[in-house]
Amino acid sequence: MTGYASGQGAFEGYSWTWELRSVNGKGLDLRFRLPEVLTGLDGEIRSKVSRVLSRGNVSASLKIQSVSADGAVELDPERLEVVLDAMAAVEARAMERGLSLAPSNAADVLGLRGVFDASREQDDTTKLRNHVLTAFDDVLEEMRAMQSKEGVQLSEVLAQQFDDIEALVEKAASVAEARKPETKAQVEAALARVVENADQLDEARVMQELALIAIKADVTEELDRLRTHVKAARDLIAGGSPAGRKLDFLAQEFNREANTLCSKSQNAALTSIGLELKSLIEQMREQVQNVE
């Protein structure tokens, strides 16, 4: 499920900016970009996110800047020198190999990590850490609120798709019932051809083959399983998150039954319904990828 949130704050000569993003993912993949001034922050942020999210590719970034007394952002001279030396070395090496690099400008340099990051010594960062973590809680809550709004809309879309699938299943059941006389006539015709072209028949073997033909033509089990899957999917949505992985599995089972329905149909109308079911199930599967 997608989401985005950001937040800013300041404390004792430092200012910070949080950015938190989430996009669809089969599992929970967490990636953080955090400043070195607050070591060990990764584990605390990871724990906070893992408690409220179970699925998605989540990235969080924190920028901390040292602010002077008049409110101006301070450069880190030592870090700037390191960056400029590194850029010069890269350009020199590129020239040796006959490569031409695009010229860098001041904005490019200032955008590099650490040039504006906080780096001045601070004996105790506990208070700063607490303020930053509290600010992250607010950002995480904001992103969850955005995801919740999307979740409400998504549940409505899925509910409609479940209704449409159920309607097609009942339509298929009606067609399957109506085709029974046709299926019976086909079996009787096949039996007549066998009797006509065979001098001796193994009656038990013939009855066994007829039973197999009838079973292969019967789609009752597939339709019953599709009904069961619809009910299970509705229960998962009603139960709230996390439900994405279970719905993903159910979507595969939906598709399996639709495929079997098409292969056993032996009827143009039933095949058409089966193909329509497959298309609708694929649309549902795509939506399920957004569910946490």
Protein backbone atom coordinates (compact mmCIF):
# COMPACT_ATOMS: atom_id res chain seq x y z
CA MET A 1 0.00 0.00 0.00
CA THR A 2 1.42 3.37 -0.97
CA GLY A 3 1.94 6.21 1.46
CA TYR A 4 4.05 9.30 2.07
CA ALA A 5 4.63 11.64 4.99
CA SER A 6 7.23 14.17 6.10
CA GLY A 7 7.95 16.25 9.15
CA GLN A 8 10.34 18.90 10.39
CA GLY A 9 11.56 19.98 13.80
CA ALA A 10 14.38 21.66 15.74
CA PHE A 11 16.11 21.28 19.09
CA GLU A 12 19.14 22.97 20.70
CA GLY A 13 20.83 24.24 17.56
CA TYR A 14 19.80 21.37 15.30
CA SER A 15 17.01 21.10 12.75
CA TRP A 16 15.80 17.95 11.07
CA THR A 17 13.56 16.69 8.28
CA TRP A 18 11.94 13.26 8.14
CA GLU A 19 10.65 11.68 4.92
CA LEU A 20 8.82 8.36 4.92
CA ARG A 21 7.62 6.51 1.82
CA SER A 22 5.92 3.19 1.23
CA VAL A 23 5.11 1.36 -2.01
CA ASN A 24 3.62 -2.06 -2.71
CA GLY A 25 5.67 -5.13 -1.88
CA LYS A 26 5.10 -8.84 -1.23
CA GLY A 27 6.94 -8.66 2.09
CA LEU A 28 8.23 -5.94 4.38
CA ASP A 29 11.42 -4.40 3.01
CA LEU A 30 12.82 -1.54 5.13
CA ARG A 31 15.50 0.83 3.88
CA PHE A 32 16.76 3.76 5.93
CA ARG A 33 19.08 6.66 5.29
CA LEU A 34 20.07 8.07 8.65
CA PRO A 35 22.84 10.48 9.77
CA GLU A 36 25.85 9.21 11.68
CA VAL A 37 25.39 11.79 14.45
CA LEU A 38 22.71 9.56 15.99
CA THR A 39 24.27 6.11 15.93
CA GLY A 40 22.05 3.08 16.44
CA LEU A 41 18.91 4.88 15.30
CA ASP A 42 18.32 2.25 12.60
CA GLY A 43 17.19 -0.43 15.04
CA GLU A 44 14.72 1.81 16.84
CA ILE A 45 13.15 3.03 13.59
CA ARG A 46 13.00 -0.52 12.23
CA SER A 47 11.17 -1.66 15.36
CA LYS A 48 8.63 1.18 15.17
CA VAL A 49 7.82 0.51 11.52
CA SER A 50 7.63 -3.28 11.98
CA ARG A 51 5.04 -2.88 14.74
CA VAL A 52 2.55 -1.13 12.44
CA LEU A 53 3.41 -2.44 8.95
CA SER A 54 3.57 -6.00 7.70
CA ARG A 55 3.98 -5.47 3.96
CA GLY A 56 5.50 -2.97 1.57
CA ASN A 57 8.80 -1.45 0.48
CA VAL A 58 9.40 1.28 3.04
CA SER A 59 12.13 3.92 2.91
CA ALA A 60 12.84 6.48 5.60
CA SER A 61 15.36 9.31 5.45
CA LEU A 62 16.45 11.75 8.14
CA LYS A 63 18.46 14.89 7.51
CA ILE A 64 19.91 16.71 10.51
CA GLN A 65 21.43 20.15 10.11
CA SER A 66 23.43 22.28 12.51
CA VAL A 67 21.88 25.72 12.85
CA SER A 68 23.74 28.82 14.06
CA ALA A 69 22.34 31.18 16.68
CA ASP A 70 20.83 33.47 14.03
CA GLY A 71 19.00 30.56 12.43
CA ALA A 72 21.31 30.16 9.44
CA VAL A 73 22.32 26.66 8.36
CA GLU A 74 26.01 25.94 8.97
CA LEU A 75 28.36 24.21 6.58
CA ASP A 76 30.64 21.49 7.82
CA PRO A 77 34.05 22.76 6.57
CA GLU A 78 35.90 19.48 7.16
CA ARG A 79 33.23 17.44 5.41
CA LEU A 80 33.18 19.94 2.53
CA GLU A 81 36.93 19.56 2.06
CA VAL A 82 36.64 15.78 2.01
CA VAL A 83 33.87 15.96 -0.60
CA LEU A 84 35.77 18.39 -2.82
CA ASP A 85 38.94 16.27 -2.65
CA ALA A 86 36.96 13.19 -3.59
CA MET A 87 35.33 15.00 -6.53
CA ALA A 88 38.73 16.20 -7.76
CA ALA A 89 40.14 12.67 -7.56
CA VAL A 90 37.21 11.26 -9.52
CA GLU A 91 37.53 13.89 -12.24
CA ALA A 92 41.31 13.37 -12.50
CA ARG A 93 40.88 9.61 -12.81
CA ALA A 94 38.20 10.06 -15.44
CA MET A 95 40.46 12.32 -17.51
CA GLU A 96 43.24 9.72 -17.36
CA ARG A 97 40.86 7.22 -18.92
CA GLY A 98 39.61 9.67 -21.53
CA LEU A 99 36.18 10.06 -19.96
CA SER A 100 34.36 13.38 -19.92
CA LEU A 101 32.24 14.12 -16.86
CA ALA A 102 29.55 16.76 -16.64
CA PRO A 103 30.76 19.77 -14.64
CA SER A 104 29.55 19.97 -11.04
CA ASN A 105 28.02 23.09 -9.54
CA ALA A 106 27.60 24.38 -6.00
CA ALA A 107 24.09 22.96 -5.74
CA ASP A 108 25.41 19.49 -6.53
CA VAL A 109 28.02 19.77 -3.79
CA LEU A 110 25.63 21.13 -1.18
CA GLY A 111 23.21 18.30 -1.92
CA LEU A 112 25.77 15.65 -1.00
CA ARG A 113 25.27 13.87 2.29
CA GLY A 114 27.16 15.41 5.19
CA VAL A 115 27.95 18.85 3.76
CA PHE A 116 24.97 20.29 5.61
CA ASP A 117 24.54 17.41 8.07
CA ALA A 118 25.09 17.96 11.75
CA SER A 119 28.66 17.10 12.69
CA ARG A 120 29.69 19.25 15.62
CA GLU A 121 30.51 17.40 18.78
CA GLN A 122 27.78 16.96 21.34
CA ASP A 123 28.44 15.25 24.64
CA ASP A 124 24.94 13.79 25.02
CA THR A 125 22.61 13.19 22.08
CA THR A 126 19.91 11.49 24.18
CA LYS A 127 17.58 14.49 24.22
CA LEU A 128 18.06 15.10 20.50
CA ARG A 129 17.42 11.41 19.80
CA ASN A 130 14.20 11.48 21.83
CA HIS A 131 12.90 14.53 19.96
CA VAL A 132 13.79 12.98 16.60
CA LEU A 133 12.09 9.69 17.49
CA THR A 134 8.96 11.48 18.69
CA ALA A 135 8.87 13.38 15.41
CA PHE A 136 9.18 10.06 13.54
CA ASP A 137 6.16 8.70 15.43
CA ASP A 138 4.11 11.62 14.11
CA VAL A 139 5.37 11.05 10.55
CA LEU A 140 4.60 7.32 10.75
CA GLU A 141 1.10 8.06 12.04
CA GLU A 142 0.53 10.51 9.19
CA MET A 143 1.57 7.92 6.61
CA ARG A 144 -0.67 5.30 8.21
CA ALA A 145 -3.60 7.73 8.04
CA MET A 146 -2.94 8.18 4.32
CA GLN A 147 -2.79 4.40 3.84
CA SER A 148 -6.01 3.95 5.81
CA LYS A 149 -7.88 6.29 3.45
CA GLU A 150 -6.55 4.35 0.48
CA GLY A 151 -7.50 1.11 2.24
CA VAL A 152 -11.14 2.15 2.57
CA GLN A 153 -11.33 2.89 -1.15
CA LEU A 154 -9.51 -0.32 -2.00
CA SER A 155 -11.86 -2.43 0.14
CA GLU A 156 -14.81 -1.00 -1.78
CA VAL A 157 -13.19 -1.90 -5.10
CA LEU A 158 -12.45 -5.44 -3.93
CA ALA A 159 -15.94 -5.87 -2.51
CA GLN A 160 -17.41 -5.04 -5.91
CA GLN A 161 -15.05 -7.47 -7.61
CA PHE A 162 -16.07 -10.23 -5.19
CA ASP A 163 -19.72 -9.49 -6.03
CA ASP A 164 -18.95 -9.69 -9.75
CA ILE A 165 -17.09 -12.98 -9.35
CA GLU A 166 -19.95 -14.43 -7.32
CA ALA A 167 -22.45 -13.37 -9.99
CA LEU A 168 -20.39 -15.10 -12.69
CA VAL A 169 -20.16 -18.26 -10.58
CA GLU A 170 -23.95 -18.40 -10.26
CA LYS A 171 -24.29 -17.74 -13.98
CA ALA A 172 -21.90 -20.61 -14.66
CA ALA A 173 -23.93 -22.86 -12.34
CA SER A 174 -27.09 -22.08 -14.33
CA VAL A 175 -25.36 -22.83 -17.64
CA ALA A 176 -23.89 -26.06 -16.24
CA GLU A 177 -27.34 -27.20 -15.10
CA ALA A 178 -28.88 -26.34 -18.46
CA ARG A 179 -26.24 -28.27 -20.38
CA LYS A 180 -26.88 -31.57 -18.55
CA PRO A 181 -29.25 -32.92 -21.25
CA GLU A 182 -26.66 -32.02 -23.88
CA THR A 183 -23.91 -33.77 -21.92
CA LYS A 184 -26.10 -36.84 -21.45
CA ALA A 185 -26.82 -36.98 -25.19
CA GLN A 186 -23.10 -36.73 -25.97
CA VAL A 187 -22.29 -39.60 -23.62
CA GLU A 188 -25.08 -41.78 -25.06
CA ALA A 189 -23.91 -41.05 -28.60
CA ALA A 190 -20.36 -42.01 -27.70
CA LEU A 191 -21.60 -45.23 -26.11
CA ALA A 192 -23.66 -46.07 -29.22
CA ARG A 193 -20.59 -45.66 -31.43
CA VAL A 194 -18.59 -47.97 -29.19
CA VAL A 195 -21.30 -50.64 -29.17
CA GLU A 196 -21.71 -50.44 -32.92
CA ASN A 197 -18.02 -50.89 -33.65
CA ALA A 198 -17.13 -53.56 -31.09
CA ASP A 199 -17.95 -57.28 -31.17
CA GLN A 200 -17.29 -57.90 -27.53
CA LEU A 201 -17.49 -55.39 -24.71
CA ASP A 202 -16.28 -55.41 -21.15
CA GLU A 203 -19.37 -54.02 -19.48
CA ALA A 204 -17.52 -53.06 -16.28
CA ARG A 205 -14.87 -51.23 -18.27
CA VAL A 206 -17.51 -49.37 -20.27
CA MET A 207 -19.32 -48.26 -17.11
CA GLN A 208 -16.01 -47.10 -15.62
CA GLU A 209 -15.20 -45.02 -18.69
CA LEU A 210 -18.67 -43.49 -18.69
CA ALA A 211 -18.28 -42.55 -15.03
CA LEU A 212 -14.94 -40.88 -15.81
CA ILE A 213 -16.51 -38.90 -18.66
CA ALA A 214 -19.29 -37.72 -16.36
CA ILE A 215 -16.83 -36.67 -13.67
CA LYS A 216 -14.66 -34.77 -16.13
CA ALA A 217 -17.70 -32.89 -17.40
CA ASP A 218 -19.00 -32.02 -13.92
CA VAL A 219 -17.94 -28.55 -12.71
CA THR A 220 -19.89 -28.61 -9.45
CA GLU A 221 -16.80 -28.91 -7.26
CA GLU A 222 -15.07 -26.01 -9.00
CA LEU A 223 -18.09 -23.78 -8.57
CA ASP A 224 -18.45 -24.75 -4.91
CA ARG A 225 -14.78 -23.94 -4.27
CA LEU A 226 -15.15 -20.58 -6.00
CA ARG A 227 -18.09 -19.76 -3.72
CA THR A 228 -15.98 -20.75 -0.71
CA HIS A 229 -13.11 -18.56 -1.90
CA VAL A 230 -15.42 -15.56 -2.27
CA LYS A 231 -16.65 -15.99 1.29
CA ALA A 232 -13.08 -16.37 2.60
CA ALA A 233 -11.97 -13.23 0.74
CA ARG A 234 -14.85 -11.21 2.18
CA ASP A 235 -14.02 -12.44 5.68
CA LEU A 236 -10.38 -11.39 5.26
CA ILE A 237 -11.35 -7.88 4.16
CA ALA A 238 -13.85 -7.58 7.00
CA GLY A 239 -11.20 -8.74 9.47
CA GLY A 240 -8.84 -5.91 8.57
CA SER A 241 -5.10 -5.98 7.94
CA PRO A 242 -2.79 -7.75 7.65
CA ALA A 243 -4.60 -9.68 4.92
CA GLY A 244 -2.57 -9.04 1.77
CA ARG A 245 -0.58 -12.27 1.68
CA LYS A 246 -3.64 -14.43 2.36
CA LEU A 247 -5.60 -12.61 -0.33
CA ASP A 248 -2.68 -13.09 -2.71
CA PHE A 249 -2.83 -16.84 -2.08
CA LEU A 250 -6.62 -16.86 -2.51
CA ALA A 251 -6.27 -15.07 -5.85
CA GLN A 252 -4.11 -17.96 -7.06
CA GLU A 253 -6.73 -20.44 -5.93
CA PHE A 254 -9.46 -18.44 -7.68
CA ASN A 255 -7.45 -18.62 -10.89
CA ARG A 256 -6.82 -22.35 -10.50
CA GLU A 257 -10.56 -23.10 -10.29
CA ALA A 258 -11.34 -20.81 -13.24
CA ASN A 259 -8.74 -22.62 -15.35
CA THR A 260 -10.24 -26.00 -14.44
CA LEU A 261 -13.72 -24.70 -15.24
CA CYS A 262 -12.60 -23.69 -18.73
CA SER A 263 -10.84 -27.01 -19.36
CA LYS A 264 -13.92 -29.06 -18.33
CA SER A 265 -16.63 -26.86 -19.84
CA GLN A 266 -17.11 -28.53 -23.28
CA ASN A 267 -19.63 -25.77 -23.83
CA ALA A 268 -19.16 -22.43 -25.56
CA ALA A 269 -21.28 -20.47 -23.08
CA LEU A 270 -19.56 -22.01 -20.07
CA THR A 271 -16.13 -21.41 -21.60
CA SER A 272 -17.03 -17.77 -22.19
CA ILE A 273 -17.99 -17.38 -18.52
CA GLY A 274 -14.78 -19.08 -17.46
CA LEU A 275 -12.69 -16.67 -19.53
CA GLU A 276 -14.60 -13.72 -18.09
CA LEU A 277 -13.92 -15.08 -14.63
CA LYS A 278 -10.20 -15.36 -15.37
CA SER A 279 -10.09 -11.74 -16.53
CA LEU A 280 -11.93 -10.51 -13.43
CA ILE A 281 -9.73 -12.60 -11.13
CA GLU A 282 -6.62 -11.10 -12.71
CA GLN A 283 -7.98 -7.60 -12.03
CA MET A 284 -8.63 -8.64 -8.44
CA ARG A 285 -5.11 -10.05 -8.11
CA GLU A 286 -3.63 -6.73 -9.22
CA GLN A 287 -5.66 -4.90 -6.58
CA VAL A 288 -4.66 -7.39 -3.92
CA GLN A 289 -1.02 -6.38 -4.40
CA ASN A 290 -1.98 -3.06 -2.79
CA VAL A 291 -3.40 -4.68 0.34
CA GLU A 292 -1.30 -4.84 3.47
